[in-house]
Amino acid sequence: MDKELKIACPDCGAVLVVDRITGEVLETRKPIIEQSTGDRFADAILKVKKDKEKIASTKFDDLKKEQEKKKKLSEEIFRTSLKEAKKDKDIKPRSIFDGD
């Protein structure tokens, strides 16, 4: 017979490990995820998977915003260069074959 008694709290989902002889609470195991499967190892794996998904989506969103900023900046530079080129119609663009 085990020396420990495991009691699941129906309210919070925590598992209380109680000594059978003394009645002392030895350990309180709070659930790793909200809807626990009952197996702490499986719960830990599910939590890691969810965390990885959150991190990946956050990184993706950050990179997407960064690319949008770069696109706006390059479009702004292009527009200003285009305006300058329209002002100076007489000046021919420099060729790579032109000597210094």
PDB file of N, CA and C in Angstrom:
ATOM      1  N   MET A   1       0.840  -1.176   0.000  1.00  0.00           N
ATOM      2  CA  MET A   1       0.000   0.000   0.000  1.00  0.00           C
ATOM      3  C   MET A   1       0.892   1.250   0.000  1.00  0.00           C
ATOM      4  N   ASP A   2       0.492   2.242  -0.771  1.00  0.00           N
ATOM      5  CA  ASP A   2       1.272   3.479  -0.846  1.00  0.00           C
ATOM      6  C   ASP A   2       1.198   4.242   0.465  1.00  0.00           C
ATOM      7  N   LYS A   3       2.270   4.934   0.740  1.00  0.00           N
ATOM      8  CA  LYS A   3       2.292   5.802   1.924  1.00  0.00           C
ATOM      9  C   LYS A   3       1.622   7.135   1.641  1.00  0.00           C
ATOM     10  N   GLU A   4       1.436   7.391   0.342  1.00  0.00           N
ATOM     11  CA  GLU A   4       0.875   8.681  -0.071  1.00  0.00           C
ATOM     12  C   GLU A   4      -0.492   8.480  -0.695  1.00  0.00           C
ATOM     13  N   LEU A   5      -1.330   9.463  -0.496  1.00  0.00           N
ATOM     14  CA  LEU A   5      -2.662   9.469  -1.075  1.00  0.00           C
ATOM     15  C   LEU A   5      -2.746  10.692  -1.983  1.00  0.00           C
ATOM     16  N   LYS A   6      -3.153  10.493  -3.222  1.00  0.00           N
ATOM     17  CA  LYS A   6      -3.265  11.599  -4.172  1.00  0.00           C
ATOM     18  C   LYS A   6      -4.727  11.967  -4.331  1.00  0.00           C
ATOM     19  N   ILE A   7      -5.024  13.239  -4.049  1.00  0.00           N
ATOM     20  CA  ILE A   7      -6.400  13.728  -4.110  1.00  0.00           C
ATOM     21  C   ILE A   7      -6.450  14.887  -5.098  1.00  0.00           C
ATOM     22  N   ALA A   8      -7.354  14.783  -6.069  1.00  0.00           N
ATOM     23  CA  ALA A   8      -7.513  15.833  -7.078  1.00  0.00           C
ATOM     24  C   ALA A   8      -8.590  16.810  -6.627  1.00  0.00           C
ATOM     25  N   CYS A   9      -8.263  18.094  -6.677  1.00  0.00           N
ATOM     26  CA  CYS A   9      -9.227  19.135  -6.322  1.00  0.00           C
ATOM     27  C   CYS A   9     -10.141  19.376  -7.529  1.00  0.00           C
ATOM     28  N   PRO A  10     -11.446  19.209  -7.374  1.00  0.00           N
ATOM     29  CA  PRO A  10     -12.350  19.416  -8.503  1.00  0.00           C
ATOM     30  C   PRO A  10     -12.485  20.889  -8.895  1.00  0.00           C
ATOM     31  N   ASP A  11     -12.160  21.791  -7.994  1.00  0.00           N
ATOM     32  CA  ASP A  11     -12.307  23.220  -8.252  1.00  0.00           C
ATOM     33  C   ASP A  11     -11.151  23.772  -9.079  1.00  0.00           C
ATOM     34  N   CYS A  12      -9.920  23.582  -8.594  1.00  0.00           N
ATOM     35  CA  CYS A  12      -8.768  24.180  -9.271  1.00  0.00           C
ATOM     36  C   CYS A  12      -7.964  23.190 -10.098  1.00  0.00           C
ATOM     37  N   GLY A  13      -8.214  21.903  -9.927  1.00  0.00           N
ATOM     38  CA  GLY A  13      -7.512  20.895 -10.703  1.00  0.00           C
ATOM     39  C   GLY A  13      -6.166  20.502 -10.121  1.00  0.00           C
ATOM     40  N   ALA A  14      -5.804  21.041  -8.971  1.00  0.00           N
ATOM     41  CA  ALA A  14      -4.538  20.701  -8.340  1.00  0.00           C
ATOM     42  C   ALA A  14      -4.629  19.306  -7.719  1.00  0.00           C
ATOM     43  N   VAL A  15      -3.468  18.665  -7.607  1.00  0.00           N
ATOM     44  CA  VAL A  15      -3.406  17.353  -6.982  1.00  0.00           C
ATOM     45  C   VAL A  15      -2.675  17.508  -5.655  1.00  0.00           C
ATOM     46  N   LEU A  16      -3.326  17.092  -4.583  1.00  0.00           N
ATOM     47  CA  LEU A  16      -2.717  17.140  -3.258  1.00  0.00           C
ATOM     48  C   LEU A  16      -2.161  15.762  -2.932  1.00  0.00           C
ATOM     49  N   VAL A  17      -0.894  15.718  -2.563  1.00  0.00           N
ATOM     50  CA  VAL A  17      -0.273  14.468  -2.136  1.00  0.00           C
ATOM     51  C   VAL A  17      -0.260  14.496  -0.616  1.00  0.00           C
ATOM     52  N   VAL A  18      -0.993  13.546  -0.013  1.00  0.00           N
ATOM     53  CA  VAL A  18      -1.203  13.529   1.433  1.00  0.00           C
ATOM     54  C   VAL A  18      -0.600  12.245   2.021  1.00  0.00           C
ATOM     55  N   ASP A  19       0.058  12.387   3.151  1.00  0.00           N
ATOM     56  CA  ASP A  19       0.590  11.228   3.874  1.00  0.00           C
ATOM     57  C   ASP A  19      -0.585  10.487   4.512  1.00  0.00           C
ATOM     58  N   ARG A  20      -0.673   9.182   4.263  1.00  0.00           N
ATOM     59  CA  ARG A  20      -1.796   8.392   4.774  1.00  0.00           C
ATOM     60  C   ARG A  20      -1.803   8.312   6.299  1.00  0.00           C
ATOM     61  N   ILE A  21      -0.635   8.262   6.889  1.00  0.00           N
ATOM     62  CA  ILE A  21      -0.557   8.059   8.332  1.00  0.00           C
ATOM     63  C   ILE A  21      -0.807   9.352   9.095  1.00  0.00           C
ATOM     64  N   THR A  22      -0.095  10.423   8.727  1.00  0.00           N
ATOM     65  CA  THR A  22      -0.190  11.672   9.483  1.00  0.00           C
ATOM     66  C   THR A  22      -1.288  12.596   8.967  1.00  0.00           C
ATOM     67  N   GLY A  23      -1.674  12.435   7.711  1.00  0.00           N
ATOM     68  CA  GLY A  23      -2.671  13.331   7.127  1.00  0.00           C
ATOM     69  C   GLY A  23      -2.084  14.649   6.674  1.00  0.00           C
ATOM     70  N   GLU A  24      -0.762  14.731   6.695  1.00  0.00           N
ATOM     71  CA  GLU A  24      -0.064  15.960   6.310  1.00  0.00           C
ATOM     72  C   GLU A  24       0.007  16.075   4.786  1.00  0.00           C
ATOM     73  N   VAL A  25      -0.215  17.279   4.287  1.00  0.00           N
ATOM     74  CA  VAL A  25      -0.096  17.538   2.859  1.00  0.00           C
ATOM     75  C   VAL A  25       1.392  17.627   2.542  1.00  0.00           C
ATOM     76  N   LEU A  26       1.871  16.672   1.738  1.00  0.00           N
ATOM     77  CA  LEU A  26       3.283  16.626   1.398  1.00  0.00           C
ATOM     78  C   LEU A  26       3.612  17.507   0.202  1.00  0.00           C
ATOM     79  N   GLU A  27       2.692  17.565  -0.728  1.00  0.00           N
ATOM     80  CA  GLU A  27       2.970  18.296  -1.969  1.00  0.00           C
ATOM     81  C   GLU A  27       1.666  18.755  -2.598  1.00  0.00           C
ATOM     82  N   THR A  28       1.714  19.909  -3.227  1.00  0.00           N
ATOM     83  CA  THR A  28       0.586  20.409  -3.996  1.00  0.00           C
ATOM     84  C   THR A  28       1.051  20.555  -5.436  1.00  0.00           C
ATOM     85  N   ARG A  29       0.444  19.795  -6.319  1.00  0.00           N
ATOM     86  CA  ARG A  29       0.820  19.835  -7.743  1.00  0.00           C
ATOM     87  C   ARG A  29      -0.246  20.603  -8.507  1.00  0.00           C
ATOM     88  N   LYS A  30       0.107  21.816  -8.874  1.00  0.00           N
ATOM     89  CA  LYS A  30      -0.828  22.627  -9.652  1.00  0.00           C
ATOM     90  C   LYS A  30      -0.778  22.158 -11.103  1.00  0.00           C
ATOM     91  N   PRO A  31      -1.911  22.229 -11.801  1.00  0.00           N
ATOM     92  CA  PRO A  31      -1.911  21.764 -13.199  1.00  0.00           C
ATOM     93  C   PRO A  31      -1.043  22.659 -14.074  1.00  0.00           C
ATOM     94  N   ILE A  32      -0.362  22.040 -15.018  1.00  0.00           N
ATOM     95  CA  ILE A  32       0.516  22.767 -15.927  1.00  0.00           C
ATOM     96  C   ILE A  32      -0.303  23.545 -16.948  1.00  0.00           C
ATOM     97  N   ILE A  33      -1.380  22.938 -17.417  1.00  0.00           N
ATOM     98  CA  ILE A  33      -2.272  23.597 -18.373  1.00  0.00           C
ATOM     99  C   ILE A  33      -3.677  23.586 -17.777  1.00  0.00           C
ATOM    100  N   GLU A  34      -4.549  24.419 -18.334  1.00  0.00           N
ATOM    101  CA  GLU A  34      -5.893  24.553 -17.768  1.00  0.00           C
ATOM    102  C   GLU A  34      -6.695  23.256 -17.840  1.00  0.00           C
ATOM    103  N   GLN A  35      -6.726  22.635 -19.000  1.00  0.00           N
ATOM    104  CA  GLN A  35      -7.493  21.401 -19.138  1.00  0.00           C
ATOM    105  C   GLN A  35      -6.507  20.236 -19.120  1.00  0.00           C
ATOM    106  N   SER A  36      -6.240  19.764 -17.946  1.00  0.00           N
ATOM    107  CA  SER A  36      -5.252  18.720 -17.737  1.00  0.00           C
ATOM    108  C   SER A  36      -5.759  17.373 -18.234  1.00  0.00           C
ATOM    109  N   THR A  37      -4.831  16.573 -18.760  1.00  0.00           N
ATOM    110  CA  THR A  37      -5.165  15.221 -19.194  1.00  0.00           C
ATOM    111  C   THR A  37      -5.035  14.239 -18.045  1.00  0.00           C
ATOM    112  N   GLY A  38      -4.439  14.686 -16.946  1.00  0.00           N
ATOM    113  CA  GLY A  38      -4.204  13.822 -15.806  1.00  0.00           C
ATOM    114  C   GLY A  38      -2.783  13.295 -15.771  1.00  0.00           C
ATOM    115  N   ASP A  39      -2.133  13.280 -16.916  1.00  0.00           N
ATOM    116  CA  ASP A  39      -0.747  12.842 -17.012  1.00  0.00           C
ATOM    117  C   ASP A  39       0.140  14.083 -17.089  1.00  0.00           C
ATOM    118  N   ARG A  40       0.977  14.295 -16.091  1.00  0.00           N
ATOM    119  CA  ARG A  40       1.796  15.506 -16.041  1.00  0.00           C
ATOM    120  C   ARG A  40       2.787  15.568 -17.199  1.00  0.00           C
ATOM    121  N   PHE A  41       3.304  14.419 -17.636  1.00  0.00           N
ATOM    122  CA  PHE A  41       4.247  14.390 -18.743  1.00  0.00           C
ATOM    123  C   PHE A  41       3.560  14.833 -20.038  1.00  0.00           C
ATOM    124  N   ALA A  42       2.378  14.294 -20.293  1.00  0.00           N
ATOM    125  CA  ALA A  42       1.625  14.678 -21.493  1.00  0.00           C
ATOM    126  C   ALA A  42       1.242  16.159 -21.421  1.00  0.00           C
ATOM    127  N   ASP A  43       0.876  16.634 -20.236  1.00  0.00           N
ATOM    128  CA  ASP A  43       0.543  18.053 -20.063  1.00  0.00           C
ATOM    129  C   ASP A  43       1.751  18.938 -20.360  1.00  0.00           C
ATOM    130  N   ALA A  44       2.929  18.509 -19.895  1.00  0.00           N
ATOM    131  CA  ALA A  44       4.147  19.292 -20.142  1.00  0.00           C
ATOM    132  C   ALA A  44       4.446  19.354 -21.631  1.00  0.00           C
ATOM    133  N   ILE A  45       4.261  18.245 -22.333  1.00  0.00           N
ATOM    134  CA  ILE A  45       4.500  18.233 -23.783  1.00  0.00           C
ATOM    135  C   ILE A  45       3.520  19.166 -24.488  1.00  0.00           C
ATOM    136  N   LEU A  46       2.257  19.118 -24.102  1.00  0.00           N
ATOM    137  CA  LEU A  46       1.251  20.006 -24.702  1.00  0.00           C
ATOM    138  C   LEU A  46       1.585  21.470 -24.451  1.00  0.00           C
ATOM    139  N   LYS A  47       2.058  21.771 -23.232  1.00  0.00           N
ATOM    140  CA  LYS A  47       2.399  23.156 -22.897  1.00  0.00           C
ATOM    141  C   LYS A  47       3.575  23.632 -23.741  1.00  0.00           C
ATOM    142  N   VAL A  48       4.573  22.783 -23.926  1.00  0.00           N
ATOM    143  CA  VAL A  48       5.740  23.160 -24.738  1.00  0.00           C
ATOM    144  C   VAL A  48       5.310  23.410 -26.182  1.00  0.00           C
ATOM    145  N   LYS A  49       4.436  22.569 -26.707  1.00  0.00           N
ATOM    146  CA  LYS A  49       3.964  22.750 -28.083  1.00  0.00           C
ATOM    147  C   LYS A  49       3.213  24.074 -28.231  1.00  0.00           C
ATOM    148  N   LYS A  50       2.350  24.371 -27.263  1.00  0.00           N
ATOM    149  CA  LYS A  50       1.594  25.631 -27.322  1.00  0.00           C
ATOM    150  C   LYS A  50       2.527  26.835 -27.217  1.00  0.00           C
ATOM    151  N   ASP A  51       3.529  26.730 -26.337  1.00  0.00           N
ATOM    152  CA  ASP A  51       4.484  27.830 -26.186  1.00  0.00           C
ATOM    153  C   ASP A  51       5.278  28.040 -27.467  1.00  0.00           C
ATOM    154  N   LYS A  52       5.686  26.953 -28.114  1.00  0.00           N
ATOM    155  CA  LYS A  52       6.424  27.069 -29.376  1.00  0.00           C
ATOM    156  C   LYS A  52       5.569  27.746 -30.446  1.00  0.00           C
ATOM    157  N   GLU A  53       4.290  27.378 -30.490  1.00  0.00           N
ATOM    158  CA  GLU A  53       3.388  27.996 -31.465  1.00  0.00           C
ATOM    159  C   GLU A  53       3.247  29.492 -31.208  1.00  0.00           C
ATOM    160  N   LYS A  54       3.129  29.869 -29.936  1.00  0.00           N
ATOM    161  CA  LYS A  54       3.001  31.288 -29.597  1.00  0.00           C
ATOM    162  C   LYS A  54       4.263  32.044 -29.982  1.00  0.00           C
ATOM    163  N   ILE A  55       5.415  31.471 -29.674  1.00  0.00           N
ATOM    164  CA  ILE A  55       6.690  32.127 -29.989  1.00  0.00           C
ATOM    165  C   ILE A  55       6.842  32.267 -31.500  1.00  0.00           C
ATOM    166  N   ALA A  56       6.511  31.201 -32.235  1.00  0.00           N
ATOM    167  CA  ALA A  56       6.631  31.251 -33.689  1.00  0.00           C
ATOM    168  C   ALA A  56       5.709  32.305 -34.288  1.00  0.00           C
ATOM    169  N   SER A  57       4.476  32.368 -33.812  1.00  0.00           N
ATOM    170  CA  SER A  57       3.541  33.358 -34.362  1.00  0.00           C
ATOM    171  C   SER A  57       3.975  34.778 -33.997  1.00  0.00           C
ATOM    172  N   THR A  58       4.522  34.958 -32.801  1.00  0.00           N
ATOM    173  CA  THR A  58       5.012  36.278 -32.400  1.00  0.00           C
ATOM    174  C   THR A  58       6.189  36.702 -33.269  1.00  0.00           C
ATOM    175  N   LYS A  59       7.126  35.787 -33.491  1.00  0.00           N
ATOM    176  CA  LYS A  59       8.273  36.094 -34.344  1.00  0.00           C
ATOM    177  C   LYS A  59       7.824  36.416 -35.758  1.00  0.00           C
ATOM    178  N   PHE A  60       6.864  35.637 -36.268  1.00  0.00           N
ATOM    179  CA  PHE A  60       6.362  35.879 -37.611  1.00  0.00           C
ATOM    180  C   PHE A  60       5.721  37.252 -37.721  1.00  0.00           C
ATOM    181  N   ASP A  61       4.900  37.606 -36.733  1.00  0.00           N
ATOM    182  CA  ASP A  61       4.251  38.922 -36.744  1.00  0.00           C
ATOM    183  C   ASP A  61       5.280  40.049 -36.686  1.00  0.00           C
ATOM    184  N   ASP A  62       6.314  39.878 -35.847  1.00  0.00           N
ATOM    185  CA  ASP A  62       7.364  40.890 -35.741  1.00  0.00           C
ATOM    186  C   ASP A  62       8.112  41.047 -37.066  1.00  0.00           C
ATOM    187  N   LEU A  63       8.452  39.938 -37.702  1.00  0.00           N
ATOM    188  CA  LEU A  63       9.151  39.999 -38.989  1.00  0.00           C
ATOM    189  C   LEU A  63       8.268  40.619 -40.068  1.00  0.00           C
ATOM    190  N   LYS A  64       6.988  40.320 -40.017  1.00  0.00           N
ATOM    191  CA  LYS A  64       6.055  40.889 -40.993  1.00  0.00           C
ATOM    192  C   LYS A  64       5.990  42.411 -40.841  1.00  0.00           C
ATOM    193  N   LYS A  65       5.917  42.884 -39.602  1.00  0.00           N
ATOM    194  CA  LYS A  65       5.891  44.327 -39.360  1.00  0.00           C
ATOM    195  C   LYS A  65       7.191  44.977 -39.814  1.00  0.00           C
ATOM    196  N   GLU A  66       8.310  44.313 -39.556  1.00  0.00           N
ATOM    197  CA  GLU A  66       9.607  44.845 -39.965  1.00  0.00           C
ATOM    198  C   GLU A  66       9.705  44.943 -41.489  1.00  0.00           C
ATOM    199  N   GLN A  67       9.203  43.940 -42.189  1.00  0.00           N
ATOM    200  CA  GLN A  67       9.219  43.972 -43.652  1.00  0.00           C
ATOM    201  C   GLN A  67       8.313  45.085 -44.185  1.00  0.00           C
ATOM    202  N   GLU A  68       7.183  45.308 -43.541  1.00  0.00           N
ATOM    203  CA  GLU A  68       6.303  46.389 -43.961  1.00  0.00           C
ATOM    204  C   GLU A  68       6.971  47.744 -43.780  1.00  0.00           C
ATOM    205  N   LYS A  69       7.710  47.907 -42.680  1.00  0.00           N
ATOM    206  CA  LYS A  69       8.442  49.155 -42.453  1.00  0.00           C
ATOM    207  C   LYS A  69       9.500  49.361 -43.520  1.00  0.00           C
ATOM    208  N   LYS A  70      10.230  48.296 -43.845  1.00  0.00           N
ATOM    209  CA  LYS A  70      11.261  48.387 -44.887  1.00  0.00           C
ATOM    210  C   LYS A  70      10.640  48.738 -46.233  1.00  0.00           C
ATOM    211  N   LYS A  71       9.483  48.145 -46.522  1.00  0.00           N
ATOM    212  CA  LYS A  71       8.810  48.418 -47.789  1.00  0.00           C
ATOM    213  C   LYS A  71       8.383  49.883 -47.856  1.00  0.00           C
ATOM    214  N   LYS A  72       7.812  50.403 -46.775  1.00  0.00           N
ATOM    215  CA  LYS A  72       7.392  51.808 -46.748  1.00  0.00           C
ATOM    216  C   LYS A  72       8.592  52.739 -46.920  1.00  0.00           C
ATOM    217  N   LEU A  73       9.694  52.404 -46.255  1.00  0.00           N
ATOM    218  CA  LEU A  73      10.893  53.222 -46.355  1.00  0.00           C
ATOM    219  C   LEU A  73      11.439  53.218 -47.780  1.00  0.00           C
ATOM    220  N   SER A  74      11.497  52.047 -48.398  1.00  0.00           N
ATOM    221  CA  SER A  74      12.019  51.977 -49.765  1.00  0.00           C
ATOM    222  C   SER A  74      11.095  52.695 -50.748  1.00  0.00           C
ATOM    223  N   GLU A  75       9.785  52.608 -50.534  1.00  0.00           N
ATOM    224  CA  GLU A  75       8.849  53.337 -51.400  1.00  0.00           C
ATOM    225  C   GLU A  75       9.021  54.845 -51.236  1.00  0.00           C
ATOM    226  N   GLU A  76       9.251  55.293 -50.011  1.00  0.00           N
ATOM    227  CA  GLU A  76       9.460  56.724 -49.769  1.00  0.00           C
ATOM    228  C   GLU A  76      10.746  57.201 -50.450  1.00  0.00           C
ATOM    229  N   ILE A  77      11.793  56.420 -50.333  1.00  0.00           N
ATOM    230  CA  ILE A  77      13.063  56.779 -50.985  1.00  0.00           C
ATOM    231  C   ILE A  77      12.878  56.815 -52.495  1.00  0.00           C
ATOM    232  N   PHE A  78      12.140  55.853 -53.044  1.00  0.00           N
ATOM    233  CA  PHE A  78      11.885  55.826 -54.480  1.00  0.00           C
ATOM    234  C   PHE A  78      11.104  57.059 -54.919  1.00  0.00           C
ATOM    235  N   ARG A  79      10.072  57.424 -54.152  1.00  0.00           N
ATOM    236  CA  ARG A  79       9.264  58.600 -54.516  1.00  0.00           C
ATOM    237  C   ARG A  79      10.096  59.878 -54.504  1.00  0.00           C
ATOM    238  N   THR A  80      10.927  60.042 -53.477  1.00  0.00           N
ATOM    239  CA  THR A  80      11.753  61.257 -53.420  1.00  0.00           C
ATOM    240  C   THR A  80      12.768  61.269 -54.552  1.00  0.00           C
ATOM    241  N   SER A  81      13.339  60.123 -54.875  1.00  0.00           N
ATOM    242  CA  SER A  81      14.292  60.053 -55.989  1.00  0.00           C
ATOM    243  C   SER A  81      13.597  60.334 -57.311  1.00  0.00           C
ATOM    244  N   LEU A  82      12.395  59.854 -57.461  1.00  0.00           N
ATOM    245  CA  LEU A  82      11.634  60.095 -58.681  1.00  0.00           C
ATOM    246  C   LEU A  82      11.316  61.579 -58.836  1.00  0.00           C
ATOM    247  N   LYS A  83      10.951  62.247 -57.739  1.00  0.00           N
ATOM    248  CA  LYS A  83      10.683  63.683 -57.793  1.00  0.00           C
ATOM    249  C   LYS A  83      11.936  64.455 -58.194  1.00  0.00           C
ATOM    250  N   GLU A  84      13.078  64.071 -57.631  1.00  0.00           N
ATOM    251  CA  GLU A  84      14.332  64.736 -57.975  1.00  0.00           C
ATOM    252  C   GLU A  84      14.690  64.499 -59.435  1.00  0.00           C
ATOM    253  N   ALA A  85      14.433  63.304 -59.940  1.00  0.00           N
ATOM    254  CA  ALA A  85      14.737  62.995 -61.335  1.00  0.00           C
ATOM    255  C   ALA A  85      13.834  63.790 -62.274  1.00  0.00           C
ATOM    256  N   LYS A  86      12.595  64.015 -61.900  1.00  0.00           N
ATOM    257  CA  LYS A  86      11.683  64.790 -62.743  1.00  0.00           C
ATOM    258  C   LYS A  86      12.086  66.262 -62.773  1.00  0.00           C
ATOM    259  N   LYS A  87      12.644  66.754 -61.669  1.00  0.00           N
ATOM    260  CA  LYS A  87      13.097  68.145 -61.620  1.00  0.00           C
ATOM    261  C   LYS A  87      14.300  68.357 -62.530  1.00  0.00           C
ATOM    262  N   ASP A  88      15.192  67.394 -62.558  1.00  0.00           N
ATOM    263  CA  ASP A  88      16.430  67.517 -63.331  1.00  0.00           C
ATOM    264  C   ASP A  88      16.352  66.656 -64.589  1.00  0.00           C
ATOM    265  N   LYS A  89      15.468  67.035 -65.513  1.00  0.00           N
ATOM    266  CA  LYS A  89      15.287  66.259 -66.741  1.00  0.00           C
ATOM    267  C   LYS A  89      16.492  66.379 -67.673  1.00  0.00           C
ATOM    268  N   ASP A  90      17.219  67.485 -67.618  1.00  0.00           N
ATOM    269  CA  ASP A  90      18.335  67.701 -68.518  1.00  0.00           C
ATOM    270  C   ASP A  90      19.567  66.885 -68.133  1.00  0.00           C
ATOM    271  N   ILE A  91      19.663  66.520 -66.895  1.00  0.00           N
ATOM    272  CA  ILE A  91      20.842  65.788 -66.433  1.00  0.00           C
ATOM    273  C   ILE A  91      20.661  64.307 -66.725  1.00  0.00           C
ATOM    274  N   LYS A  92      21.639  63.748 -67.432  1.00  0.00           N
ATOM    275  CA  LYS A  92      21.593  62.345 -67.791  1.00  0.00           C
ATOM    276  C   LYS A  92      22.113  61.512 -66.611  1.00  0.00           C
ATOM    277  N   PRO A  93      21.468  60.387 -66.321  1.00  0.00           N
ATOM    278  CA  PRO A  93      21.956  59.562 -65.224  1.00  0.00           C
ATOM    279  C   PRO A  93      23.367  59.030 -65.511  1.00  0.00           C
ATOM    280  N   ARG A  94      24.112  58.869 -64.477  1.00  0.00           N
ATOM    281  CA  ARG A  94      25.498  58.423 -64.606  1.00  0.00           C
ATOM    282  C   ARG A  94      25.504  56.944 -64.977  1.00  0.00           C
ATOM    283  N   SER A  95      26.328  56.566 -65.932  1.00  0.00           N
ATOM    284  CA  SER A  95      26.438  55.188 -66.364  1.00  0.00           C
ATOM    285  C   SER A  95      27.598  54.520 -65.634  1.00  0.00           C
ATOM    286  N   ILE A  96      27.557  53.225 -65.553  1.00  0.00           N
ATOM    287  CA  ILE A  96      28.653  52.516 -64.907  1.00  0.00           C
ATOM    288  C   ILE A  96      29.920  52.539 -65.774  1.00  0.00           C
ATOM    289  N   PHE A  97      29.774  52.850 -67.057  1.00  0.00           N
ATOM    290  CA  PHE A  97      30.912  52.882 -67.950  1.00  0.00           C
ATOM    291  C   PHE A  97      31.560  54.245 -68.042  1.00  0.00           C
ATOM    292  N   ASP A  98      30.932  55.243 -67.424  1.00  0.00           N
ATOM    293  CA  ASP A  98      31.504  56.593 -67.412  1.00  0.00           C
ATOM    294  C   ASP A  98      32.745  56.593 -66.540  1.00  0.00           C
ATOM    295  N   GLY A  99      33.769  57.287 -66.999  1.00  0.00           N
ATOM    296  CA  GLY A  99      34.992  57.406 -66.218  1.00  0.00           C
ATOM    297  C   GLY A  99      34.846  58.481 -65.166  1.00  0.00           C
ATOM    298  N   ASP A 100      35.649  58.420 -64.166  1.00  0.00           N
ATOM    299  CA  ASP A 100      35.587  59.422 -63.098  1.00  0.00           C
ATOM    300  C   ASP A 100      36.171  60.737 -63.523  1.00  0.00           C
TER     301      ASP A 100
END
